[in-house]
């Protein structure tokens, strides 16, 4: 398998496949971390500790927070006057 295959990329620097990261984060949102660890082991036969679930969930939560701030900040910090014009030709 080549290094360019999609399963060779590890988002967020974790050595976990993107699909398993999605499962771990989803489990971390819906369960107590220790219960989530046991549930993942039962369902996927992959052992993920509660601490790993916590780290991954915090990492993705931080990404969401940064993304939200970036979406809000250009409008809030832009104090310049803007003009817009509407063309009513299609009305």
N, C-alpha and C. Protein backbone atom coordinates (compact mmCIF):
# COMPACT_ATOMS: atom_id res chain seq x y z
N UNK A 1 0.85 -1.16 0.00
CA UNK A 1 0.00 0.00 0.00
C UNK A 1 0.91 1.24 0.00
N UNK A 2 0.63 2.18 -0.83
CA UNK A 2 1.45 3.39 -0.92
C UNK A 2 1.11 4.35 0.22
N UNK A 3 2.03 5.26 0.51
CA UNK A 3 1.84 6.24 1.58
C UNK A 3 0.77 7.28 1.23
N UNK A 4 0.36 7.34 -0.05
CA UNK A 4 -0.66 8.31 -0.44
C UNK A 4 -2.08 7.77 -0.27
N UNK A 5 -2.20 6.51 0.12
CA UNK A 5 -3.53 5.92 0.34
C UNK A 5 -4.21 6.65 1.49
N UNK A 6 -5.53 6.80 1.41
CA UNK A 6 -6.25 7.59 2.40
C UNK A 6 -6.18 7.00 3.81
N UNK A 7 -5.95 5.69 3.94
CA UNK A 7 -5.83 5.10 5.26
C UNK A 7 -4.45 5.30 5.87
N UNK A 8 -3.52 5.87 5.09
CA UNK A 8 -2.19 6.16 5.61
C UNK A 8 -2.11 7.57 6.19
N UNK A 9 -3.15 8.36 6.01
CA UNK A 9 -3.12 9.71 6.57
C UNK A 9 -3.76 9.67 7.96
N UNK A 10 -3.17 10.41 8.86
CA UNK A 10 -3.66 10.42 10.23
C UNK A 10 -4.00 11.85 10.61
N UNK A 11 -5.27 12.24 10.51
CA UNK A 11 -5.67 13.61 10.87
C UNK A 11 -5.33 13.91 12.33
N UNK A 12 -5.00 15.15 12.59
CA UNK A 12 -4.71 15.66 13.93
C UNK A 12 -3.46 15.05 14.56
N UNK A 13 -2.66 14.30 13.79
CA UNK A 13 -1.42 13.75 14.31
C UNK A 13 -1.59 12.50 15.15
N UNK A 14 -2.81 12.03 15.33
CA UNK A 14 -3.04 10.80 16.08
C UNK A 14 -2.80 9.61 15.14
N UNK A 15 -2.21 8.56 15.63
CA UNK A 15 -1.93 7.38 14.82
C UNK A 15 -3.17 6.48 14.78
N UNK A 16 -4.28 7.08 14.44
CA UNK A 16 -5.57 6.38 14.36
C UNK A 16 -6.18 6.75 13.02
N UNK A 17 -6.76 5.78 12.33
CA UNK A 17 -7.37 6.05 11.02
C UNK A 17 -8.50 7.06 11.15
N UNK A 18 -8.79 7.79 10.08
CA UNK A 18 -9.88 8.79 10.14
C UNK A 18 -11.22 8.19 10.58
N UNK A 19 -11.52 6.98 10.10
CA UNK A 19 -12.80 6.36 10.46
C UNK A 19 -12.85 6.05 11.95
N UNK A 20 -11.76 5.50 12.48
CA UNK A 20 -11.74 5.19 13.91
C UNK A 20 -11.77 6.47 14.74
N UNK A 21 -11.14 7.54 14.25
CA UNK A 21 -11.21 8.82 14.96
C UNK A 21 -12.65 9.29 15.04
N UNK A 22 -13.39 9.12 13.96
CA UNK A 22 -14.80 9.51 13.95
C UNK A 22 -15.59 8.70 14.98
N UNK A 23 -15.33 7.40 15.04
CA UNK A 23 -16.01 6.55 16.01
C UNK A 23 -15.66 6.94 17.44
N UNK A 24 -14.38 7.22 17.67
CA UNK A 24 -13.92 7.57 19.01
C UNK A 24 -14.54 8.88 19.47
N UNK A 25 -14.54 9.89 18.60
CA UNK A 25 -15.11 11.18 18.97
C UNK A 25 -16.61 11.06 19.22
N UNK A 26 -17.29 10.31 18.38
CA UNK A 26 -18.73 10.10 18.56
C UNK A 26 -19.01 9.39 19.88
N UNK A 27 -18.21 8.39 20.19
CA UNK A 27 -18.38 7.67 21.45
C UNK A 27 -18.09 8.58 22.63
N UNK A 28 -17.07 9.42 22.50
CA UNK A 28 -16.72 10.36 23.57
C UNK A 28 -17.81 11.37 23.84
N UNK A 29 -18.59 11.70 22.82
CA UNK A 29 -19.69 12.65 23.00
C UNK A 29 -20.89 12.01 23.69
N UNK A 30 -21.08 10.72 23.45
CA UNK A 30 -22.31 10.08 23.89
C UNK A 30 -22.19 9.23 25.14
N UNK A 31 -20.97 8.93 25.58
CA UNK A 31 -20.79 8.02 26.71
C UNK A 31 -19.81 8.60 27.72
N UNK A 32 -19.85 8.09 28.92
CA UNK A 32 -18.79 8.32 29.88
C UNK A 32 -17.54 7.69 29.28
N UNK A 33 -16.39 8.35 29.42
CA UNK A 33 -15.19 7.92 28.70
C UNK A 33 -14.82 6.46 28.96
N UNK A 34 -14.88 6.01 30.18
CA UNK A 34 -14.53 4.62 30.49
C UNK A 34 -15.52 3.65 29.84
N UNK A 35 -16.81 3.99 29.88
CA UNK A 35 -17.82 3.15 29.22
C UNK A 35 -17.61 3.16 27.70
N UNK A 36 -17.24 4.31 27.16
CA UNK A 36 -16.98 4.41 25.73
C UNK A 36 -15.82 3.53 25.31
N UNK A 37 -14.79 3.46 26.15
CA UNK A 37 -13.64 2.61 25.87
C UNK A 37 -14.07 1.15 25.81
N UNK A 38 -14.87 0.73 26.75
CA UNK A 38 -15.36 -0.65 26.77
C UNK A 38 -16.28 -0.93 25.58
N UNK A 39 -17.11 0.03 25.24
CA UNK A 39 -18.02 -0.14 24.11
C UNK A 39 -17.26 -0.27 22.80
N UNK A 40 -16.25 0.56 22.59
CA UNK A 40 -15.44 0.47 21.37
C UNK A 40 -14.73 -0.87 21.29
N UNK A 41 -14.24 -1.35 22.41
CA UNK A 41 -13.55 -2.65 22.41
C UNK A 41 -14.51 -3.78 22.05
N UNK A 42 -15.73 -3.71 22.57
CA UNK A 42 -16.73 -4.74 22.25
C UNK A 42 -17.14 -4.69 20.78
N UNK A 43 -17.36 -3.49 20.26
CA UNK A 43 -17.88 -3.35 18.90
C UNK A 43 -16.82 -3.48 17.81
N UNK A 44 -15.63 -2.94 18.05
CA UNK A 44 -14.62 -2.92 16.98
C UNK A 44 -13.44 -3.83 17.25
N UNK A 45 -13.35 -4.37 18.47
CA UNK A 45 -12.22 -5.19 18.89
C UNK A 45 -10.90 -4.40 18.86
N UNK A 46 -11.01 -3.10 18.99
CA UNK A 46 -9.85 -2.21 19.05
C UNK A 46 -9.84 -1.60 20.44
N UNK A 47 -8.70 -1.69 21.10
CA UNK A 47 -8.61 -1.16 22.45
C UNK A 47 -8.19 0.31 22.40
N UNK A 48 -9.09 1.16 22.85
CA UNK A 48 -8.83 2.60 22.93
C UNK A 48 -9.09 2.99 24.37
N UNK A 49 -8.09 3.58 25.01
CA UNK A 49 -8.25 3.94 26.42
C UNK A 49 -9.13 5.17 26.57
N UNK A 50 -9.64 5.33 27.77
CA UNK A 50 -10.47 6.50 28.07
C UNK A 50 -9.68 7.78 27.87
N UNK A 51 -8.40 7.77 28.20
CA UNK A 51 -7.56 8.96 28.03
C UNK A 51 -7.39 9.30 26.55
N UNK A 52 -7.26 8.29 25.69
CA UNK A 52 -7.16 8.53 24.25
C UNK A 52 -8.45 9.15 23.72
N UNK A 53 -9.57 8.66 24.20
CA UNK A 53 -10.87 9.23 23.79
C UNK A 53 -10.93 10.69 24.22
N UNK A 54 -10.50 10.97 25.44
CA UNK A 54 -10.52 12.34 25.95
C UNK A 54 -9.62 13.26 25.11
N UNK A 55 -8.41 12.81 24.81
CA UNK A 55 -7.48 13.63 24.03
C UNK A 55 -8.03 13.94 22.64
N UNK A 56 -8.58 12.91 22.00
CA UNK A 56 -9.10 13.09 20.64
C UNK A 56 -10.32 14.01 20.65
N UNK A 57 -11.20 13.83 21.62
CA UNK A 57 -12.39 14.68 21.71
C UNK A 57 -11.99 16.13 21.98
N UNK A 58 -11.02 16.36 22.85
CA UNK A 58 -10.56 17.72 23.13
C UNK A 58 -9.91 18.33 21.89
N UNK A 59 -9.17 17.53 21.15
CA UNK A 59 -8.51 18.03 19.94
C UNK A 59 -9.53 18.50 18.91
N UNK A 60 -10.54 17.69 18.67
CA UNK A 60 -11.58 18.08 17.72
C UNK A 60 -12.43 19.23 18.24
N UNK A 61 -12.67 19.27 19.54
CA UNK A 61 -13.40 20.39 20.13
C UNK A 61 -12.65 21.70 19.95
N UNK A 62 -11.32 21.66 20.11
CA UNK A 62 -10.50 22.86 19.91
C UNK A 62 -10.56 23.31 18.45
N UNK A 63 -10.53 22.35 17.52
CA UNK A 63 -10.65 22.70 16.10
C UNK A 63 -11.98 23.39 15.81
N UNK A 64 -13.05 22.89 16.38
CA UNK A 64 -14.37 23.49 16.18
C UNK A 64 -14.43 24.89 16.77
N UNK A 65 -13.81 25.08 17.94
CA UNK A 65 -13.80 26.40 18.57
C UNK A 65 -13.03 27.40 17.69
N UNK A 66 -11.88 27.00 17.18
CA UNK A 66 -11.08 27.88 16.32
C UNK A 66 -11.83 28.21 15.05
N UNK A 67 -12.46 27.21 14.45
CA UNK A 67 -13.23 27.42 13.23
C UNK A 67 -14.37 28.40 13.46
N UNK A 68 -15.04 28.27 14.59
CA UNK A 68 -16.16 29.17 14.90
C UNK A 68 -15.66 30.60 15.09
N UNK A 69 -14.53 30.76 15.77
CA UNK A 69 -13.96 32.09 15.97
C UNK A 69 -13.56 32.72 14.65
N UNK A 70 -13.00 31.93 13.75
CA UNK A 70 -12.58 32.46 12.46
C UNK A 70 -13.77 32.89 11.62
N UNK A 71 -14.88 32.19 11.75
CA UNK A 71 -16.07 32.56 11.00
C UNK A 71 -16.70 33.84 11.55
N UNK A 72 -16.61 34.06 12.85
CA UNK A 72 -17.24 35.23 13.47
C UNK A 72 -16.36 36.46 13.42
N UNK A 73 -15.05 36.30 13.53
CA UNK A 73 -14.18 37.44 13.72
C UNK A 73 -14.08 38.40 12.53
N UNK A 74 -14.07 37.99 11.27
CA UNK A 74 -13.94 38.99 10.21
C UNK A 74 -15.08 40.02 10.22
N UNK A 75 -16.28 39.60 10.50
CA UNK A 75 -17.41 40.51 10.50
C UNK A 75 -17.35 41.42 11.73
N UNK A 76 -17.05 40.86 12.87
CA UNK A 76 -17.04 41.64 14.11
C UNK A 76 -15.88 42.62 14.17
N UNK A 77 -14.73 42.27 13.60
CA UNK A 77 -13.56 43.14 13.71
C UNK A 77 -13.45 44.13 12.56
N UNK A 78 -14.26 43.99 11.53
CA UNK A 78 -14.18 44.88 10.37
C UNK A 78 -15.03 46.11 10.64
N UNK A 79 -14.37 47.27 10.82
CA UNK A 79 -15.07 48.51 11.15
C UNK A 79 -15.25 49.42 9.93
N UNK A 80 -14.79 48.97 8.76
CA UNK A 80 -14.90 49.80 7.55
C UNK A 80 -16.36 49.86 7.10
N UNK A 81 -16.68 50.92 6.41
CA UNK A 81 -18.02 51.12 5.88
C UNK A 81 -18.14 50.36 4.57
N UNK A 82 -19.19 49.60 4.41
CA UNK A 82 -19.39 48.81 3.20
C UNK A 82 -20.68 49.27 2.51
N UNK A 83 -20.65 49.25 1.20
CA UNK A 83 -21.81 49.60 0.40
C UNK A 83 -22.22 48.40 -0.42
N UNK A 84 -23.50 48.28 -0.68
CA UNK A 84 -23.96 47.25 -1.59
C UNK A 84 -25.05 47.85 -2.47
N UNK A 85 -25.21 47.26 -3.64
CA UNK A 85 -26.19 47.77 -4.59
C UNK A 85 -26.99 46.58 -5.10
N UNK A 86 -28.27 46.74 -5.21
CA UNK A 86 -29.14 45.66 -5.66
C UNK A 86 -29.68 46.01 -7.05
N UNK A 87 -29.61 45.05 -7.93
CA UNK A 87 -30.13 45.23 -9.28
C UNK A 87 -31.53 44.63 -9.32
N UNK A 88 -32.52 45.41 -9.61
CA UNK A 88 -33.90 44.92 -9.62
C UNK A 88 -34.38 44.55 -11.00
N UNK A 89 -33.47 44.23 -11.92
CA UNK A 89 -33.83 43.92 -13.31
C UNK A 89 -34.66 42.66 -13.43
N UNK A 90 -34.56 41.72 -12.52
CA UNK A 90 -35.28 40.46 -12.62
C UNK A 90 -36.61 40.49 -11.87
N UNK A 91 -36.92 41.60 -11.25
CA UNK A 91 -38.16 41.65 -10.45
C UNK A 91 -39.34 41.89 -11.37
